[in-house]
Amino acid sequence: MGDPDMDYTIVLPEAALEGCGWEQQREPVVILLGWGGCKDKNLAKYSDIYHKEGCVVIRYTAAWRTVFISESFGLSSLRDQAKKLLELLFDYEIDKNPIVFHVFSNGGFMLYRYMVELLHVHRQFSRLRVVGTIFDSAPGNRNVLGSVRALNTVLTPRTSLPLRYIALILFAIFVFILRILLYPVTQFLHENHYDAMKSDPSLWPHLYLYSRSDRIIAHSDVENMMDIRRRRRLPTQSVDFEETEHVCHYRRYPERYATICSSFLRDCVSKAFVFNNEIPSF
């Protein structure tokens, strides 16, 4: 079941966990979208938060080459993967369940951008019941230095020091040219993910988990996106962990992080269920 070419993981609730307070409705489906270079074992730790809540969990991370090369240089390489991920909901017959996204860094955010577009323009996907999104260390906007630092983190265990420096220098040059110098041209040909999501039509609640100490995603970019939503009077929550590094909030504060995510999940599902006694489509 599902696309054999998609390296995803799905975790179904155990019999002992079924229900978990979801007796009057279908259990939520949580879709985890990993950061660039993330391994499934890293996402599995976050998956446990929702598995204990009796949720269906889907984990997926796009290949780091796609995130840092194809998408950074304006190729919409993740669009097809976004479509296949949404199709999984129908393959596993969980398309009527309430859905929550948990998005990590810009790697997950790029994929999420295409999924949101499909949710609003594709007839089949528009019937899906999304009730909330959590952003961890995202989104960032045209931050060349942050992008280089992120790529360096990915390349460090994979390449030798000289090769890594060459790759980082070339990456920085190309990204600077495409994102800064040629921005008006490249934006016309392929709108960057951050700018595209400024006009995100989604009405469901957003929760932003970020840190002022993040050296990869600027906190000002996250706060600017929150301000845009709040000016539109859309439900927007946030937690500033202040001193944690990029996508390290859970590692530093596991109990607090898990409580925040679980509470947001239950709040989104319960409010959507109360609304006309069903999960509304947006």
Protein backbone atom coordinates (compact mmCIF):
# COMPACT_ATOMS: atom_id res chain seq x y z
CA MET A 1 0.00 0.00 0.00
CA GLY A 2 1.26 3.49 -0.79
CA ASP A 3 3.94 4.48 -3.31
CA PRO A 4 6.90 2.07 -3.13
CA ASP A 5 9.23 4.91 -4.20
CA MET A 6 8.25 7.06 -1.19
CA ASP A 7 10.52 6.40 1.77
CA TYR A 8 7.90 7.18 4.40
CA THR A 9 6.94 5.57 7.71
CA ILE A 10 3.41 5.16 9.01
CA VAL A 11 2.66 4.24 12.62
CA LEU A 12 -0.82 3.06 13.54
CA PRO A 13 -2.25 3.23 17.09
CA GLU A 14 -1.86 0.10 19.18
CA ALA A 15 -5.03 -1.59 20.38
CA ALA A 16 -4.32 -0.47 23.95
CA LEU A 17 -4.06 3.13 22.79
CA GLU A 18 -7.11 3.23 20.55
CA GLY A 19 -9.63 5.71 21.82
CA CYS A 20 -7.42 7.82 24.07
CA GLY A 21 -10.29 10.27 24.31
CA TRP A 22 -11.19 10.07 20.60
CA GLU A 23 -14.25 7.86 21.17
CA GLN A 24 -16.66 10.30 19.53
CA GLN A 25 -14.53 10.86 16.47
CA ARG A 26 -11.83 9.38 14.29
CA GLU A 27 -8.31 9.44 15.72
CA PRO A 28 -6.16 12.30 14.37
CA VAL A 29 -3.54 11.79 11.69
CA VAL A 30 -0.28 13.65 12.36
CA ILE A 31 2.04 14.22 9.39
CA LEU A 32 5.64 14.90 10.38
CA LEU A 33 7.73 16.67 7.70
CA GLY A 34 11.42 16.46 8.60
CA TRP A 35 14.17 19.03 8.20
CA GLY A 36 16.87 18.77 5.51
CA GLY A 37 19.22 15.93 6.37
CA CYS A 38 16.91 14.55 9.04
CA LYS A 39 16.87 10.77 9.53
CA ASP A 40 13.77 8.76 10.32
CA LYS A 41 15.16 7.83 13.72
CA ASN A 42 15.18 11.55 14.57
CA LEU A 43 11.54 11.96 13.60
CA ALA A 44 10.61 8.80 15.48
CA LYS A 45 11.23 10.60 18.78
CA TYR A 46 8.60 13.19 17.84
CA SER A 47 6.34 10.47 16.52
CA ASP A 48 6.21 8.96 20.02
CA ILE A 49 4.50 12.12 21.33
CA TYR A 50 1.52 11.51 19.08
CA HIS A 51 1.61 7.73 19.19
CA LYS A 52 0.99 7.96 22.94
CA GLU A 53 -2.04 10.11 22.14
CA GLY A 54 -3.50 7.32 20.02
CA CYS A 55 -2.84 9.06 16.68
CA VAL A 56 -1.93 7.73 13.28
CA VAL A 57 1.50 9.18 12.45
CA ILE A 58 3.11 9.56 9.02
CA ARG A 59 6.80 10.48 8.91
CA TYR A 60 8.56 11.77 5.81
CA THR A 61 11.74 13.70 5.05
CA ALA A 62 12.64 14.92 1.58
CA ALA A 63 16.14 14.11 0.33
CA TRP A 64 18.62 16.78 1.40
CA ARG A 65 19.84 17.22 -2.18
CA THR A 66 16.32 18.15 -3.23
CA VAL A 67 15.95 20.64 -0.38
CA PHE A 68 19.34 22.34 -0.72
CA ILE A 69 19.90 22.13 -4.45
CA SER A 70 16.74 21.67 -6.51
CA GLU A 71 14.38 23.80 -4.42
CA SER A 72 17.02 26.38 -3.47
CA PHE A 73 17.70 26.96 -7.15
CA GLY A 74 14.04 27.39 -8.06
CA LEU A 75 13.00 23.92 -9.21
CA SER A 76 9.66 22.68 -7.89
CA SER A 77 11.01 19.21 -7.21
CA LEU A 78 8.95 18.60 -4.09
CA ARG A 79 5.54 19.18 -5.63
CA ASP A 80 5.16 15.57 -6.79
CA GLN A 81 6.24 14.26 -3.38
CA ALA A 82 3.66 16.50 -1.71
CA LYS A 83 0.95 15.01 -3.90
CA LYS A 84 2.02 11.44 -3.14
CA LEU A 85 1.99 12.14 0.60
CA LEU A 86 -1.59 13.38 0.46
CA GLU A 87 -2.57 10.38 -1.63
CA LEU A 88 -1.36 8.14 1.21
CA LEU A 89 -4.32 9.32 3.27
CA PHE A 90 -6.67 7.78 0.73
CA ASP A 91 -4.55 4.66 0.31
CA TYR A 92 -4.80 3.93 4.04
CA GLU A 93 -8.45 5.07 4.20
CA ILE A 94 -7.74 7.78 6.77
CA ASP A 95 -8.82 10.64 4.53
CA LYS A 96 -11.81 11.43 6.76
CA ASN A 97 -9.71 11.74 9.93
CA PRO A 98 -8.70 15.13 11.34
CA ILE A 99 -5.17 16.00 10.17
CA VAL A 100 -2.40 17.93 11.92
CA PHE A 101 0.91 18.83 10.29
CA HIS A 102 4.15 19.07 12.28
CA VAL A 103 6.70 20.87 10.10
CA PHE A 104 10.43 21.12 10.81
CA SER A 105 12.72 23.85 9.48
CA ASN A 106 12.66 25.03 5.88
CA GLY A 107 13.10 21.50 4.56
CA GLY A 108 9.70 20.55 5.93
CA PHE A 109 8.27 23.98 5.18
CA MET A 110 9.05 23.71 1.45
CA LEU A 111 7.14 20.44 1.25
CA TYR A 112 4.30 21.84 3.35
CA ARG A 113 3.95 24.81 0.99
CA TYR A 114 3.11 22.49 -1.92
CA MET A 115 0.77 20.38 0.21
CA VAL A 116 -1.18 23.49 1.24
CA GLU A 117 -1.48 24.58 -2.38
CA LEU A 118 -2.83 21.15 -3.32
CA LEU A 119 -5.28 21.24 -0.42
CA HIS A 120 -6.82 24.39 -1.83
CA VAL A 121 -6.78 23.76 -5.59
CA HIS A 122 -7.06 19.99 -6.00
CA ARG A 123 -10.65 18.75 -5.91
CA GLN A 124 -9.88 15.45 -4.19
CA PHE A 125 -7.55 16.92 -1.56
CA SER A 126 -9.84 19.86 -0.75
CA ARG A 127 -12.08 17.41 1.11
CA LEU A 128 -9.35 16.54 3.62
CA ARG A 129 -9.92 17.82 7.17
CA VAL A 130 -6.83 19.72 8.31
CA VAL A 131 -7.28 21.14 11.81
CA GLY A 132 -3.87 22.59 12.68
CA THR A 133 -0.16 23.00 11.91
CA ILE A 134 2.88 23.12 14.18
CA PHE A 135 6.05 24.77 12.88
CA ASP A 136 9.33 23.88 14.59
CA SER A 137 12.17 26.28 13.69
CA ALA A 138 10.41 27.58 10.57
CA PRO A 139 9.91 29.40 8.32
CA GLY A 140 12.99 31.35 7.21
CA ASN A 141 13.29 33.85 4.39
CA ARG A 142 16.25 34.25 1.99
CA ASN A 143 18.84 33.76 4.75
CA VAL A 144 21.99 32.85 2.83
CA LEU A 145 24.18 32.45 5.92
CA GLY A 146 21.56 30.32 7.64
CA SER A 147 21.24 28.13 4.55
CA VAL A 148 25.00 27.62 4.42
CA ARG A 149 25.08 26.68 8.10
CA ALA A 150 22.25 24.19 7.56
CA LEU A 151 24.01 22.59 4.58
CA ASN A 152 27.26 22.42 6.56
CA THR A 153 25.44 20.47 9.28
CA VAL A 154 24.21 17.99 6.68
CA LEU A 155 27.56 17.64 4.87
CA THR A 156 29.79 17.33 7.94
CA PRO A 157 29.38 13.56 8.46
CA ARG A 158 29.18 12.85 4.72
CA THR A 159 32.15 14.62 3.10
CA SER A 160 35.80 15.45 3.68
CA LEU A 161 36.72 18.92 4.93
CA PRO A 162 38.17 20.27 1.60
CA LEU A 163 35.22 18.99 -0.42
CA ARG A 164 32.78 20.41 2.11
CA TYR A 165 34.35 23.88 1.93
CA ILE A 166 34.22 23.86 -1.88
CA ALA A 167 30.58 22.78 -1.85
CA LEU A 168 29.63 25.42 0.73
CA ILE A 169 31.37 28.22 -1.16
CA LEU A 170 29.71 27.30 -4.44
CA PHE A 171 26.34 26.92 -2.73
CA ALA A 172 26.67 30.33 -1.04
CA ILE A 173 27.58 32.03 -4.32
CA PHE A 174 24.70 30.51 -6.27
CA VAL A 175 22.16 31.13 -3.52
CA PHE A 176 23.30 34.75 -3.13
CA ILE A 177 22.96 35.33 -6.87
CA LEU A 178 19.56 33.64 -7.18
CA ARG A 179 17.96 34.79 -3.92
CA ILE A 180 19.42 38.28 -3.61
CA LEU A 181 20.83 39.69 -6.86
CA LEU A 182 18.31 38.10 -9.22
CA TYR A 183 15.44 37.99 -6.74
CA PRO A 184 12.87 39.89 -8.88
CA VAL A 185 13.53 37.59 -11.84
CA THR A 186 13.61 34.32 -9.91
CA GLN A 187 10.55 35.37 -7.89
CA PHE A 188 8.62 35.86 -11.12
CA LEU A 189 9.64 32.43 -12.41
CA HIS A 190 9.24 30.58 -9.11
CA GLU A 191 7.88 32.37 -6.03
CA ASN A 192 9.97 31.48 -3.01
CA HIS A 193 8.30 29.45 -0.31
CA TYR A 194 8.27 32.14 2.36
CA ASP A 195 6.65 34.76 0.13
CA ALA A 196 4.15 32.23 -1.22
CA MET A 197 2.99 31.36 2.28
CA LYS A 198 2.43 34.98 3.26
CA SER A 199 -0.89 34.66 1.47
CA ASP A 200 -1.61 31.15 2.74
CA PRO A 201 -5.42 30.81 2.57
CA SER A 202 -5.54 28.22 5.38
CA LEU A 203 -7.87 29.09 8.25
CA TRP A 204 -6.80 26.38 10.69
CA PRO A 205 -4.67 27.27 13.77
CA HIS A 206 -0.89 27.58 13.60
CA LEU A 207 1.60 27.04 16.42
CA TYR A 208 5.16 28.34 16.00
CA LEU A 209 7.94 26.83 18.15
CA TYR A 210 11.14 28.81 17.69
CA SER A 211 14.13 30.37 19.44
CA ARG A 212 15.94 33.68 19.40
CA SER A 213 19.20 31.72 19.57
CA ASP A 214 18.55 29.87 16.30
CA ARG A 215 21.51 30.54 13.97
CA ILE A 216 19.88 28.93 10.93
CA ILE A 217 16.34 30.36 10.93
CA ALA A 218 16.11 34.00 12.01
CA HIS A 219 13.53 34.52 14.76
CA SER A 220 12.48 37.74 13.00
CA ASP A 221 11.36 35.70 9.97
CA VAL A 222 9.20 33.47 12.15
CA GLU A 223 7.74 36.44 14.02
CA ASN A 224 7.02 38.29 10.79
CA MET A 225 5.01 35.32 9.50
CA MET A 226 3.09 35.20 12.77
CA ASP A 227 2.35 38.93 12.54
CA ILE A 228 1.00 38.50 9.02
CA ARG A 229 -1.43 35.83 10.22
CA ARG A 230 -2.46 37.81 13.29
CA ARG A 231 -3.21 40.87 11.19
CA ARG A 232 -5.59 38.62 9.24
CA ARG A 233 -7.12 37.57 12.59
CA LEU A 234 -6.19 33.93 12.07
CA PRO A 235 -5.60 31.71 15.15
CA THR A 236 -1.86 31.88 15.81
CA GLN A 237 0.08 30.68 18.85
CA SER A 238 3.80 30.72 19.55
CA VAL A 239 6.43 29.62 22.05
CA ASP A 240 9.88 31.21 22.11
CA PHE A 241 12.33 28.76 23.71
CA GLU A 242 14.87 31.62 23.76
CA GLU A 243 18.13 29.68 24.21
CA THR A 244 17.68 26.48 22.22
CA GLU A 245 19.45 25.78 18.95
CA HIS A 246 17.85 24.95 15.61
CA VAL A 247 15.31 22.07 15.89
CA CYS A 248 16.65 21.31 19.37
CA HIS A 249 13.69 22.47 21.47
CA TYR A 250 12.48 18.93 22.15
CA ARG A 251 15.95 17.69 22.98
CA ARG A 252 16.43 20.45 25.56
CA TYR A 253 12.91 20.49 27.00
CA PRO A 254 11.27 17.12 26.19
CA GLU A 255 8.43 17.24 28.73
CA ARG A 256 7.51 20.85 28.04
CA TYR A 257 7.68 20.34 24.28
CA ALA A 258 5.55 17.19 24.36
CA THR A 259 2.95 18.86 26.57
CA ILE A 260 2.71 21.87 24.24
CA CYS A 261 2.27 19.69 21.15
CA SER A 262 -0.25 17.33 22.76
CA SER A 263 -2.32 20.23 24.12
CA PHE A 264 -2.35 21.97 20.74
CA LEU A 265 -3.39 18.74 19.01
CA ARG A 266 -6.28 18.09 21.36
CA ASP A 267 -7.40 21.71 21.32
CA CYS A 268 -7.49 21.82 17.50
CA VAL A 269 -9.37 18.53 17.18
CA SER A 270 -11.89 19.33 19.92
CA LYS A 271 -12.69 22.80 18.57
CA ALA A 272 -13.11 21.45 15.06
CA PHE A 273 -15.37 18.67 16.33
CA VAL A 274 -17.59 21.09 18.24
CA PHE A 275 -17.99 23.22 15.13
CA ASN A 276 -21.22 21.80 13.67
CA ASN A 277 -20.32 18.51 15.37
CA GLU A 278 -17.84 17.64 12.60
CA ILE A 279 -14.36 18.46 11.33
CA PRO A 280 -14.75 21.34 8.86
CA SER A 281 -12.92 21.49 5.55
CA PHE A 282 -11.01 24.66 4.71
